[in-house]
Protein backbone atom coordinates (compact mmCIF):
# COMPACT_ATOMS: atom_id res chain seq x y z
CA MET A 1 -20.86 -1.42 27.21
CA HIS A 2 -21.61 -4.19 29.55
CA TYR A 3 -18.63 -5.51 31.62
CA PRO A 4 -18.84 -8.78 33.20
CA SER A 5 -19.22 -9.45 36.89
CA ASP A 6 -18.63 -12.27 39.00
CA VAL A 7 -22.30 -12.64 39.82
CA GLU A 8 -23.85 -12.42 36.45
CA ASN A 9 -22.50 -15.53 34.60
CA PRO A 10 -21.69 -19.21 35.58
CA ALA A 11 -18.55 -19.06 33.55
CA THR A 12 -17.23 -17.27 36.43
CA SER A 13 -15.81 -20.19 38.14
CA ASP A 14 -13.78 -20.92 34.90
CA PRO A 15 -10.19 -20.45 35.87
CA GLU A 16 -9.24 -19.44 32.14
CA ILE A 17 -11.76 -16.78 31.92
CA ALA A 18 -10.69 -15.50 35.82
CA ARG A 19 -7.35 -15.03 34.02
CA ALA A 20 -8.71 -13.15 31.04
CA ARG A 21 -10.51 -11.14 33.65
CA THR A 22 -7.48 -10.50 35.57
CA LEU A 23 -5.33 -9.38 32.65
CA ALA A 24 -8.47 -6.96 31.43
CA ARG A 25 -8.26 -5.43 35.05
CA VAL A 26 -4.49 -5.00 34.92
CA LEU A 27 -4.50 -3.61 31.34
CA ASP A 28 -7.55 -1.50 31.54
CA GLY A 29 -8.57 -1.03 35.05
CA TYR A 30 -5.21 -0.25 36.37
CA LEU A 31 -4.54 1.83 33.40
CA VAL A 32 -1.41 -0.13 32.30
CA ASP A 33 -2.36 -0.05 28.67
CA PRO A 34 -2.55 3.82 28.46
CA LEU A 35 0.45 4.21 30.74
CA ILE A 36 2.71 1.82 28.65
CA GLY A 37 1.42 3.88 25.29
CA LEU A 38 2.35 6.97 26.88
CA VAL A 39 5.75 5.95 27.84
CA LEU A 40 6.44 3.85 24.47
CA PRO A 41 4.42 5.56 21.96
CA GLY A 42 3.32 3.23 19.18
CA LEU A 43 5.34 0.24 20.67
CA GLY A 44 3.42 0.37 24.00
CA ASP A 45 0.09 -0.01 21.99
CA VAL A 46 1.41 -3.06 20.25
CA ILE A 47 2.86 -4.67 23.25
CA THR A 48 -0.69 -4.44 25.03
CA SER A 49 -2.52 -5.50 22.10
CA VAL A 50 -0.34 -8.60 21.83
CA LEU A 51 -1.07 -9.46 25.54
CA GLY A 52 -4.68 -8.93 24.70
CA LEU A 53 -4.41 -11.67 22.22
CA TYR A 54 -4.62 -14.05 25.46
CA VAL A 55 -8.48 -13.37 25.60
CA VAL A 56 -8.82 -13.87 21.73
CA SER A 57 -6.90 -17.22 22.02
CA ILE A 58 -9.42 -18.54 24.61
CA ALA A 59 -12.28 -17.71 22.53
CA VAL A 60 -10.48 -19.48 19.57
CA ARG A 61 -10.00 -22.47 21.78
CA ARG A 62 -13.66 -22.34 22.98
CA ARG A 63 -14.87 -22.46 19.18
CA VAL A 64 -16.65 -18.97 19.68
CA SER A 65 -17.82 -17.88 16.33
CA PRO A 66 -15.09 -16.58 13.94
CA LEU A 67 -17.51 -13.39 13.62
CA VAL A 68 -17.17 -12.80 17.48
CA ILE A 69 -13.25 -13.32 17.13
CA ALA A 70 -13.24 -10.93 14.17
CA ARG A 71 -14.94 -8.30 16.43
CA MET A 72 -12.38 -8.98 19.33
CA LEU A 73 -9.45 -8.50 16.81
CA LEU A 74 -11.24 -5.26 15.74
CA ASN A 75 -11.25 -4.09 19.25
CA LEU A 76 -7.49 -4.88 19.71
CA GLY A 77 -6.51 -3.20 16.32
CA LEU A 78 -8.56 -0.25 16.99
CA ASP A 79 -7.04 0.01 20.40
CA ALA A 80 -3.68 -0.24 19.01
CA ALA A 81 -4.21 1.99 15.71
CA LEU A 82 -5.72 5.00 17.81
CA GLY A 83 -3.69 4.45 20.81
CA ALA A 84 -0.52 4.84 18.87
CA ILE A 85 -1.57 8.66 18.22
CA PRO A 86 0.59 10.63 20.50
CA VAL A 87 -1.42 12.16 23.45
CA LEU A 88 -4.83 11.93 21.78
CA GLY A 89 -4.53 8.10 21.72
CA ASP A 90 -3.54 7.76 25.06
CA ILE A 91 -6.77 9.74 26.12
CA PHE A 92 -8.62 7.34 23.84
CA ASP A 93 -7.20 4.42 25.65
CA PHE A 94 -8.40 5.59 29.09
CA GLY A 95 -12.16 5.24 27.83
CA PHE A 96 -12.10 2.52 25.21
CA ARG A 97 -10.86 -0.39 27.19
CA ALA A 98 -10.61 -3.04 24.69
CA ASN A 99 -9.47 -6.04 27.00
CA HIS A 100 -12.82 -5.39 29.03
CA ARG A 101 -14.66 -5.46 25.91
CA ASN A 102 -13.30 -8.48 24.66
CA VAL A 103 -13.82 -10.32 28.03
CA ALA A 104 -17.38 -9.57 27.88
CA LEU A 105 -17.63 -10.68 24.34
CA LEU A 106 -15.86 -13.99 25.40
CA THR A 107 -18.01 -14.34 28.60
CA ASP A 108 -21.53 -13.61 27.00
CA ARG A 109 -20.79 -15.67 23.86
CA VAL A 110 -19.29 -18.73 26.06
CA ALA A 111 -22.57 -18.59 27.83
CA THR A 112 -24.55 -18.85 24.59
CA GLY A 113 -22.60 -21.47 23.20
CA GLY A 114 -20.19 -19.24 21.11
CA ARG A 115 -22.90 -18.00 18.75
CA ALA A 116 -22.65 -14.55 17.19
CA SER A 117 -25.23 -11.90 17.88
CA PRO A 118 -26.90 -9.55 15.52
CA ARG A 119 -24.77 -6.83 17.27
CA ASP A 120 -21.51 -8.76 16.32
CA TRP A 121 -22.57 -8.80 12.50
CA LEU A 122 -23.22 -5.09 12.51
CA ALA A 123 -19.92 -4.35 14.20
CA VAL A 124 -17.72 -6.45 11.72
CA ALA A 125 -19.98 -5.23 8.74
CA GLY A 126 -19.52 -1.59 10.03
CA ALA A 127 -15.88 -1.95 10.13
CA ALA A 128 -15.66 -3.64 6.74
CA ALA A 129 -17.55 -0.73 5.33
CA VAL A 130 -15.36 1.87 6.81
CA PHE A 131 -12.50 -0.09 5.77
CA VAL A 132 -13.74 -0.10 2.02
CA ALA A 133 -14.55 3.35 2.29
CA ILE A 134 -11.11 4.22 3.37
CA VAL A 135 -9.33 2.18 0.59
CA GLY A 136 -11.91 3.79 -1.94
CA LEU A 137 -10.80 7.35 -0.90
CA VAL A 138 -7.21 6.44 -0.92
CA GLY A 139 -7.67 5.13 -4.48
CA TRP A 140 -9.50 8.24 -5.64
CA GLY A 141 -7.00 10.41 -4.15
CA LEU A 142 -4.05 8.44 -5.87
CA VAL A 143 -5.96 8.84 -9.15
CA ALA A 144 -6.71 12.71 -8.50
CA LEU A 145 -2.85 13.29 -7.47
CA VAL A 146 -1.70 11.43 -10.68
CA ARG A 147 -4.31 13.47 -12.99
CA ALA A 148 -3.15 16.67 -11.31
CA ILE A 149 0.57 16.02 -12.12
CA ALA A 150 0.01 14.60 -15.62
């Protein structure tokens, strides 16, 4: 994963993106996200994901592709869902760094006019496929349960 640095992109002089980088640095770099999740299991992950929506709101205002925004929301959702698992989720939070990923997406896509890349399509399509598979498995499990009971 590529993390934006101040030398790579002309968007670095943008104060809004600078604030997004600061937020990512505080939540992910200073380990606030995993620590809040450890202290407030479940709730802490929701709180830090809501804070992470700031980066997504910048992408929306900048008219970044809806597909990229979906990928950013996927990062936050995955961070919140897996981070809510006691202990294992906190370990996941130390390595995943959803906010850094989202700032990198924002910086890269703003520099290219907000267009989605093939990697964005792949990430969102993969998430959709996993979602459909999970829903299918749950449906199959419910049918099997009803048949076993009847």
